[in-house]
Amino acid sequence: MKRILFIFLALVVISQACTSDHVFQEFESIPKSSWKYTDTINFYPEIKDIHKKYDIYIAVRYDKSYEFSNMWLKVYGLGEQDFERIDVPLFKKDGSPYGKGLLSNYTVQAGYLKAYTFKKSGKNKVQFVQNMRKNPINGILDIGLIVKEVK
């Protein structure tokens, strides 16, 4: 009975993965969990249809050693300006973390742009740079970019 339940759950997970609305999802690791101003994180989402609309999310994997309640990022390659400064909240006022976690590591997915239309098809360059007052910042494990097609 346990074996049948396991197979059923595995099939559900696989079917959900196959029907994902993610056009792009990628994470880049921060070496030694120490992110400097000079460390630019690059992503290259490939967009086939510029007439469709996309929701764009920034994902941050972090641990409890991160010493601030939020993280400021500069995002290049999206939006109307050369770059936008984005605030990603990581900890609540009571000190508990946002997002999902296991042990002391957490992942938060912050909505960035809704119903965004890319300007060009093909590979688009998107860059993230940390924009905190402290350099480097510690406790950031990975940064991710997620692009979902709006249905």
N, C-alpha and C. Protein backbone atom coordinates (compact mmCIF):
# COMPACT_ATOMS: atom_id res chain seq x y z
N MET A 1 0.82 -1.19 0.00
CA MET A 1 0.00 0.00 0.00
C MET A 1 0.87 1.26 0.00
N LYS A 2 1.94 1.24 0.82
CA LYS A 2 2.83 2.40 0.87
C LYS A 2 3.51 2.62 -0.48
N ARG A 3 3.84 1.53 -1.15
CA ARG A 3 4.49 1.62 -2.45
C ARG A 3 3.56 2.27 -3.48
N ILE A 4 2.29 1.90 -3.47
CA ILE A 4 1.31 2.47 -4.39
C ILE A 4 1.14 3.96 -4.11
N LEU A 5 1.07 4.32 -2.85
CA LEU A 5 0.94 5.73 -2.47
C LEU A 5 2.16 6.52 -2.94
N PHE A 6 3.35 5.96 -2.76
CA PHE A 6 4.58 6.63 -3.20
C PHE A 6 4.56 6.84 -4.72
N ILE A 7 4.18 5.82 -5.47
CA ILE A 7 4.13 5.93 -6.94
C ILE A 7 3.11 6.99 -7.35
N PHE A 8 1.96 7.00 -6.70
CA PHE A 8 0.94 7.98 -7.01
C PHE A 8 1.45 9.41 -6.77
N LEU A 9 2.07 9.62 -5.61
CA LEU A 9 2.61 10.95 -5.30
C LEU A 9 3.71 11.36 -6.27
N ALA A 10 4.56 10.43 -6.67
CA ALA A 10 5.61 10.73 -7.64
C ALA A 10 5.01 11.14 -8.98
N LEU A 11 3.96 10.45 -9.40
CA LEU A 11 3.30 10.81 -10.67
C LEU A 11 2.66 12.18 -10.60
N VAL A 12 2.08 12.53 -9.47
CA VAL A 12 1.49 13.86 -9.30
C VAL A 12 2.57 14.94 -9.41
N VAL A 13 3.68 14.73 -8.74
CA VAL A 13 4.78 15.70 -8.78
C VAL A 13 5.31 15.85 -10.20
N ILE A 14 5.51 14.74 -10.89
CA ILE A 14 6.02 14.78 -12.26
C ILE A 14 5.03 15.49 -13.18
N SER A 15 3.76 15.22 -13.04
CA SER A 15 2.77 15.86 -13.91
C SER A 15 2.70 17.36 -13.65
N GLN A 16 2.86 17.76 -12.40
CA GLN A 16 2.87 19.19 -12.09
C GLN A 16 4.09 19.87 -12.69
N ALA A 17 5.23 19.21 -12.67
CA ALA A 17 6.46 19.77 -13.24
C ALA A 17 6.33 19.93 -14.75
N CYS A 18 5.64 19.01 -15.39
CA CYS A 18 5.49 19.06 -16.85
C CYS A 18 4.53 20.14 -17.29
N THR A 19 3.61 20.56 -16.43
CA THR A 19 2.63 21.58 -16.81
C THR A 19 2.99 22.94 -16.22
N SER A 20 4.21 23.13 -15.87
CA SER A 20 4.64 24.38 -15.27
C SER A 20 4.47 25.55 -16.23
N ASP A 21 4.10 26.70 -15.70
CA ASP A 21 3.99 27.89 -16.52
C ASP A 21 5.28 28.71 -16.52
N HIS A 22 6.35 28.11 -15.96
CA HIS A 22 7.64 28.79 -15.96
C HIS A 22 8.23 28.79 -17.37
N VAL A 23 8.55 29.95 -17.85
CA VAL A 23 9.27 30.09 -19.10
C VAL A 23 10.77 30.01 -18.81
N PHE A 24 11.13 30.51 -17.63
CA PHE A 24 12.54 30.55 -17.22
C PHE A 24 12.59 30.50 -15.71
N GLN A 25 13.49 29.67 -15.19
CA GLN A 25 13.77 29.63 -13.75
C GLN A 25 15.20 29.20 -13.57
N GLU A 26 15.98 30.07 -12.97
CA GLU A 26 17.39 29.76 -12.78
C GLU A 26 17.90 30.45 -11.51
N PHE A 27 18.80 29.76 -10.81
CA PHE A 27 19.44 30.30 -9.62
C PHE A 27 20.95 30.36 -9.85
N GLU A 28 21.57 31.38 -9.31
CA GLU A 28 23.03 31.50 -9.32
C GLU A 28 23.50 31.54 -7.87
N SER A 29 24.50 30.75 -7.56
CA SER A 29 25.05 30.71 -6.21
C SER A 29 25.94 31.91 -5.95
N ILE A 30 25.90 32.37 -4.72
CA ILE A 30 26.79 33.44 -4.27
C ILE A 30 27.99 32.75 -3.62
N PRO A 31 29.19 32.91 -4.18
CA PRO A 31 30.37 32.24 -3.62
C PRO A 31 30.59 32.59 -2.15
N LYS A 32 30.74 31.57 -1.34
CA LYS A 32 30.99 31.69 0.10
C LYS A 32 29.91 32.50 0.82
N SER A 33 28.73 32.62 0.21
CA SER A 33 27.60 33.38 0.78
C SER A 33 28.00 34.80 1.14
N SER A 34 28.90 35.37 0.35
CA SER A 34 29.40 36.72 0.58
C SER A 34 29.31 37.50 -0.73
N TRP A 35 28.30 38.39 -0.82
CA TRP A 35 28.01 39.09 -2.06
C TRP A 35 28.56 40.51 -2.01
N LYS A 36 29.49 40.81 -2.90
CA LYS A 36 30.12 42.14 -2.99
C LYS A 36 29.41 43.00 -4.01
N TYR A 37 29.61 44.32 -3.91
CA TYR A 37 29.05 45.26 -4.89
C TYR A 37 29.48 44.91 -6.31
N THR A 38 30.69 44.43 -6.44
CA THR A 38 31.26 44.17 -7.76
C THR A 38 30.84 42.84 -8.37
N ASP A 39 30.11 42.03 -7.61
CA ASP A 39 29.67 40.71 -8.10
C ASP A 39 28.31 40.85 -8.77
N THR A 40 28.31 40.89 -10.09
CA THR A 40 27.08 41.01 -10.86
C THR A 40 26.56 39.61 -11.20
N ILE A 41 25.28 39.39 -10.94
CA ILE A 41 24.65 38.11 -11.25
C ILE A 41 23.89 38.28 -12.57
N ASN A 42 24.19 37.43 -13.55
CA ASN A 42 23.59 37.54 -14.88
C ASN A 42 22.64 36.38 -15.16
N PHE A 43 21.52 36.71 -15.80
CA PHE A 43 20.56 35.72 -16.27
C PHE A 43 20.22 36.04 -17.72
N TYR A 44 19.89 34.99 -18.46
CA TYR A 44 19.58 35.15 -19.89
C TYR A 44 18.30 34.41 -20.25
N PRO A 45 17.14 34.93 -19.82
CA PRO A 45 15.90 34.25 -20.19
C PRO A 45 15.65 34.36 -21.70
N GLU A 46 15.29 33.23 -22.30
CA GLU A 46 14.99 33.23 -23.73
C GLU A 46 13.49 33.36 -23.92
N ILE A 47 13.10 34.43 -24.59
CA ILE A 47 11.69 34.74 -24.81
C ILE A 47 11.38 34.53 -26.28
N LYS A 48 10.39 33.68 -26.55
CA LYS A 48 10.04 33.36 -27.93
C LYS A 48 8.95 34.27 -28.47
N ASP A 49 8.04 34.72 -27.62
CA ASP A 49 6.91 35.51 -28.09
C ASP A 49 6.84 36.82 -27.30
N ILE A 50 7.17 37.93 -27.96
CA ILE A 50 7.16 39.24 -27.28
C ILE A 50 5.74 39.81 -27.16
N HIS A 51 4.78 39.15 -27.73
CA HIS A 51 3.39 39.62 -27.63
C HIS A 51 2.68 39.07 -26.39
N LYS A 52 3.29 38.09 -25.76
CA LYS A 52 2.72 37.55 -24.53
C LYS A 52 3.17 38.38 -23.33
N LYS A 53 2.44 38.23 -22.25
CA LYS A 53 2.77 38.93 -21.01
C LYS A 53 3.34 37.93 -20.01
N TYR A 54 4.27 38.42 -19.18
CA TYR A 54 4.98 37.56 -18.24
C TYR A 54 5.00 38.21 -16.86
N ASP A 55 4.89 37.37 -15.83
CA ASP A 55 5.12 37.81 -14.45
C ASP A 55 6.55 37.44 -14.10
N ILE A 56 7.26 38.38 -13.49
CA ILE A 56 8.67 38.19 -13.19
C ILE A 56 8.87 38.25 -11.68
N TYR A 57 9.61 37.26 -11.17
CA TYR A 57 9.87 37.14 -9.74
C TYR A 57 11.36 37.10 -9.48
N ILE A 58 11.74 37.65 -8.34
CA ILE A 58 13.11 37.54 -7.85
C ILE A 58 13.06 36.56 -6.68
N ALA A 59 13.93 35.58 -6.71
CA ALA A 59 13.98 34.59 -5.63
C ALA A 59 15.31 34.73 -4.89
N VAL A 60 15.25 34.65 -3.59
CA VAL A 60 16.46 34.77 -2.76
C VAL A 60 16.49 33.59 -1.79
N ARG A 61 17.58 32.85 -1.82
CA ARG A 61 17.84 31.81 -0.81
C ARG A 61 18.84 32.41 0.17
N TYR A 62 18.48 32.34 1.44
CA TYR A 62 19.31 32.98 2.46
C TYR A 62 19.28 32.15 3.73
N ASP A 63 20.17 32.49 4.66
CA ASP A 63 20.15 31.79 5.94
C ASP A 63 19.99 32.79 7.07
N LYS A 64 19.83 32.26 8.27
CA LYS A 64 19.55 33.11 9.42
C LYS A 64 20.72 34.01 9.82
N SER A 65 21.89 33.80 9.23
CA SER A 65 23.02 34.66 9.55
C SER A 65 22.92 36.02 8.86
N TYR A 66 22.01 36.15 7.90
CA TYR A 66 21.83 37.44 7.23
C TYR A 66 21.38 38.45 8.27
N GLU A 67 22.04 39.59 8.34
CA GLU A 67 21.86 40.48 9.48
C GLU A 67 20.85 41.62 9.29
N PHE A 68 20.20 41.69 8.15
CA PHE A 68 19.23 42.76 7.92
C PHE A 68 17.84 42.16 7.70
N SER A 69 16.83 43.01 7.73
CA SER A 69 15.46 42.52 7.53
C SER A 69 15.09 42.46 6.05
N ASN A 70 15.87 43.12 5.20
CA ASN A 70 15.57 43.15 3.79
C ASN A 70 16.87 43.18 2.98
N MET A 71 16.72 43.19 1.66
CA MET A 71 17.88 43.30 0.79
C MET A 71 17.50 44.20 -0.38
N TRP A 72 18.34 45.18 -0.65
CA TRP A 72 18.15 46.06 -1.80
C TRP A 72 18.97 45.54 -2.97
N LEU A 73 18.32 45.51 -4.14
CA LEU A 73 18.97 45.06 -5.37
C LEU A 73 18.82 46.13 -6.44
N LYS A 74 19.82 46.22 -7.31
CA LYS A 74 19.66 46.95 -8.56
C LYS A 74 19.41 45.90 -9.63
N VAL A 75 18.35 46.10 -10.42
CA VAL A 75 17.99 45.17 -11.48
C VAL A 75 18.14 45.90 -12.81
N TYR A 76 18.99 45.36 -13.67
CA TYR A 76 19.24 45.92 -14.99
C TYR A 76 18.61 45.02 -16.06
N GLY A 77 18.08 45.65 -17.12
CA GLY A 77 17.58 44.88 -18.26
C GLY A 77 16.09 44.66 -18.28
N LEU A 78 15.38 45.12 -17.25
CA LEU A 78 13.92 45.02 -17.21
C LEU A 78 13.35 46.37 -16.81
N GLY A 79 12.09 46.56 -17.07
CA GLY A 79 11.46 47.82 -16.68
C GLY A 79 11.71 48.91 -17.71
N GLU A 80 11.32 50.11 -17.36
CA GLU A 80 11.40 51.24 -18.28
C GLU A 80 12.70 52.03 -18.17
N GLN A 81 13.42 51.90 -17.07
CA GLN A 81 14.64 52.66 -16.84
C GLN A 81 15.85 51.78 -17.06
N ASP A 82 17.05 52.40 -17.00
CA ASP A 82 18.29 51.63 -17.13
C ASP A 82 18.37 50.56 -16.06
N PHE A 83 18.01 50.93 -14.83
CA PHE A 83 17.95 49.97 -13.73
C PHE A 83 16.86 50.41 -12.77
N GLU A 84 16.41 49.47 -11.98
CA GLU A 84 15.46 49.77 -10.92
C GLU A 84 16.02 49.26 -9.62
N ARG A 85 15.77 49.98 -8.55
CA ARG A 85 16.20 49.58 -7.22
C ARG A 85 15.03 48.89 -6.55
N ILE A 86 15.23 47.63 -6.15
CA ILE A 86 14.16 46.78 -5.63
C ILE A 86 14.46 46.40 -4.18
N ASP A 87 13.44 46.45 -3.34
CA ASP A 87 13.53 46.04 -1.94
C ASP A 87 12.90 44.66 -1.79
N VAL A 88 13.68 43.70 -1.33
CA VAL A 88 13.18 42.34 -1.12
C VAL A 88 13.16 42.08 0.39
N PRO A 89 11.98 41.99 1.02
CA PRO A 89 11.92 41.70 2.45
C PRO A 89 12.28 40.24 2.72
N LEU A 90 13.11 40.02 3.75
CA LEU A 90 13.55 38.67 4.10
C LEU A 90 13.08 38.25 5.49
N PHE A 91 13.03 39.18 6.44
CA PHE A 91 12.60 38.86 7.80
C PHE A 91 11.46 39.79 8.22
N LYS A 92 10.51 39.24 8.96
CA LYS A 92 9.40 40.02 9.50
C LYS A 92 9.89 40.84 10.69
N LYS A 93 9.04 41.74 11.17
CA LYS A 93 9.40 42.59 12.31
C LYS A 93 9.72 41.78 13.56
N ASP A 94 9.09 40.61 13.71
CA ASP A 94 9.35 39.78 14.88
C ASP A 94 10.60 38.90 14.72
N GLY A 95 11.29 39.03 13.57
CA GLY A 95 12.52 38.27 13.35
C GLY A 95 12.32 36.95 12.63
N SER A 96 11.09 36.55 12.42
CA SER A 96 10.85 35.30 11.70
C SER A 96 11.03 35.54 10.20
N PRO A 97 11.52 34.52 9.49
CA PRO A 97 11.82 34.69 8.07
C PRO A 97 10.58 34.59 7.18
N TYR A 98 10.63 35.32 6.07
CA TYR A 98 9.64 35.14 5.01
C TYR A 98 10.05 33.93 4.18
N GLY A 99 9.11 33.40 3.44
CA GLY A 99 9.41 32.32 2.51
C GLY A 99 9.33 30.95 3.16
N LYS A 100 9.77 29.98 2.39
CA LYS A 100 9.77 28.60 2.84
C LYS A 100 11.17 28.22 3.27
N GLY A 101 11.25 27.35 4.29
CA GLY A 101 12.57 27.03 4.78
C GLY A 101 12.72 25.63 5.31
N LEU A 102 13.98 25.28 5.46
CA LEU A 102 14.35 24.01 6.04
C LEU A 102 15.56 24.27 6.92
N LEU A 103 15.45 23.93 8.19
CA LEU A 103 16.49 24.22 9.18
C LEU A 103 16.74 25.72 9.24
N SER A 104 17.90 26.20 8.83
CA SER A 104 18.17 27.63 8.92
C SER A 104 18.24 28.31 7.55
N ASN A 105 17.90 27.59 6.48
CA ASN A 105 17.92 28.16 5.13
C ASN A 105 16.50 28.41 4.64
N TYR A 106 16.30 29.55 3.96
CA TYR A 106 14.97 29.94 3.51
C TYR A 106 15.02 30.43 2.07
N THR A 107 13.89 30.33 1.40
CA THR A 107 13.75 30.86 0.05
C THR A 107 12.51 31.73 0.01
N VAL A 108 12.69 32.95 -0.44
CA VAL A 108 11.57 33.87 -0.62
C VAL A 108 11.48 34.20 -2.10
N GLN A 109 10.25 34.26 -2.59
CA GLN A 109 10.00 34.60 -3.99
C GLN A 109 9.21 35.90 -4.00
N ALA A 110 9.83 36.97 -4.46
CA ALA A 110 9.20 38.29 -4.44
C ALA A 110 8.71 38.67 -5.83
N GLY A 111 7.45 39.05 -5.92
CA GLY A 111 6.91 39.52 -7.19
C GLY A 111 7.60 40.82 -7.58
N TYR A 112 8.03 40.91 -8.80
CA TYR A 112 8.75 42.10 -9.26
C TYR A 112 7.94 42.85 -10.31
N LEU A 113 7.64 42.22 -11.44
CA LEU A 113 6.86 42.86 -12.50
C LEU A 113 5.68 41.96 -12.86
N LYS A 114 4.53 42.54 -13.00
CA LYS A 114 3.33 41.81 -13.39
C LYS A 114 2.97 42.19 -14.83
N ALA A 115 2.58 41.18 -15.60
CA ALA A 115 2.14 41.37 -16.99
C ALA A 115 3.16 42.18 -17.80
N TYR A 116 4.41 41.83 -17.66
CA TYR A 116 5.50 42.52 -18.36
C TYR A 116 5.62 41.99 -19.80
N THR A 117 5.90 42.88 -20.72
CA THR A 117 6.12 42.51 -22.11
C THR A 117 7.59 42.77 -22.45
N PHE A 118 8.28 41.72 -22.86
CA PHE A 118 9.69 41.87 -23.24
C PHE A 118 9.79 42.65 -24.55
N LYS A 119 10.86 43.40 -24.68
CA LYS A 119 11.06 44.26 -25.86
C LYS A 119 11.59 43.50 -27.07
N LYS A 120 12.32 42.40 -26.81
CA LYS A 120 12.90 41.65 -27.93
C LYS A 120 12.78 40.16 -27.68
N SER A 121 12.68 39.42 -28.76
CA SER A 121 12.66 37.97 -28.64
C SER A 121 14.08 37.45 -28.58
N GLY A 122 14.22 36.20 -28.20
CA GLY A 122 15.55 35.62 -28.04
C GLY A 122 16.03 35.79 -26.62
N LYS A 123 17.35 35.74 -26.45
CA LYS A 123 17.93 35.86 -25.10
C LYS A 123 17.93 37.33 -24.66
N ASN A 124 17.44 37.54 -23.47
CA ASN A 124 17.41 38.86 -22.85
C ASN A 124 18.35 38.83 -21.65
N LYS A 125 19.18 39.83 -21.52
CA LYS A 125 20.13 39.89 -20.41
C LYS A 125 19.51 40.65 -19.24
N VAL A 126 19.48 39.98 -18.08
CA VAL A 126 18.98 40.58 -16.84
C VAL A 126 20.10 40.46 -15.81
N GLN A 127 20.39 41.56 -15.12
CA GLN A 127 21.49 41.57 -14.15
C GLN A 127 20.99 42.02 -12.79
N PHE A 128 21.55 41.39 -11.74
CA PHE A 128 21.29 41.78 -10.36
C PHE A 128 22.61 42.19 -9.71
N VAL A 129 22.57 43.31 -8.97
CA VAL A 129 23.71 43.78 -8.19
C VAL A 129 23.18 44.11 -6.81
N GLN A 130 23.87 43.66 -5.77
CA GLN A 130 23.42 44.00 -4.41
C GLN A 130 23.65 45.48 -4.19
N ASN A 131 22.72 46.13 -3.48
CA ASN A 131 22.78 47.58 -3.29
C ASN A 131 22.54 47.95 -1.83
N MET A 132 23.20 47.19 -0.96
CA MET A 132 23.10 47.47 0.48
C MET A 132 24.21 48.44 0.88
N ARG A 133 24.11 49.00 2.06
CA ARG A 133 25.16 49.91 2.54
C ARG A 133 26.41 49.16 2.97
N LYS A 134 26.24 47.90 3.32
CA LYS A 134 27.38 47.09 3.76
C LYS A 134 27.95 46.33 2.56
N ASN A 135 29.26 46.22 2.55
CA ASN A 135 29.93 45.48 1.47
C ASN A 135 31.06 44.66 2.05
N PRO A 136 31.02 43.34 1.89
CA PRO A 136 29.99 42.52 1.28
C PRO A 136 28.86 42.24 2.27
N ILE A 137 27.77 41.69 1.75
CA ILE A 137 26.72 41.19 2.63
C ILE A 137 26.87 39.67 2.71
N ASN A 138 26.65 39.14 3.89
CA ASN A 138 26.81 37.70 4.13
C ASN A 138 25.45 37.06 4.42
N GLY A 139 25.36 35.78 4.13
CA GLY A 139 24.14 35.03 4.42
C GLY A 139 23.21 34.86 3.23
N ILE A 140 23.58 35.40 2.06
CA ILE A 140 22.80 35.20 0.84
C ILE A 140 23.43 34.02 0.11
N LEU A 141 22.66 32.98 -0.09
CA LEU A 141 23.17 31.74 -0.68
C LEU A 141 23.04 31.72 -2.21
N ASP A 142 21.85 32.10 -2.71
CA ASP A 142 21.57 32.07 -4.14
C ASP A 142 20.60 33.19 -4.49
N ILE A 143 20.69 33.63 -5.74
CA ILE A 143 19.74 34.59 -6.29
C ILE A 143 19.12 33.94 -7.51
N GLY A 144 17.81 34.11 -7.66
CA GLY A 144 17.15 33.49 -8.79
C GLY A 144 16.24 34.45 -9.54
N LEU A 145 16.02 34.11 -10.80
CA LEU A 145 15.07 34.84 -11.64
C LEU A 145 14.05 33.83 -12.15
N ILE A 146 12.77 34.17 -12.00
CA ILE A 146 11.69 33.31 -12.46
C ILE A 146 10.80 34.12 -13.38
N VAL A 147 10.54 33.59 -14.56
CA VAL A 147 9.65 34.23 -15.53
C VAL A 147 8.51 33.26 -15.80
N LYS A 148 7.28 33.71 -15.56
CA LYS A 148 6.09 32.88 -15.77
C LYS A 148 5.20 33.55 -16.82
N GLU A 149 4.67 32.74 -17.70
CA GLU A 149 3.74 33.25 -18.69
C GLU A 149 2.38 33.52 -18.03
N VAL A 150 1.81 34.69 -18.31
CA VAL A 150 0.49 35.01 -17.80
C VAL A 150 -0.53 34.30 -18.67
N LYS A 151 -1.39 33.52 -18.03
CA LYS A 151 -2.41 32.75 -18.77
C LYS A 151 -3.68 33.53 -18.91
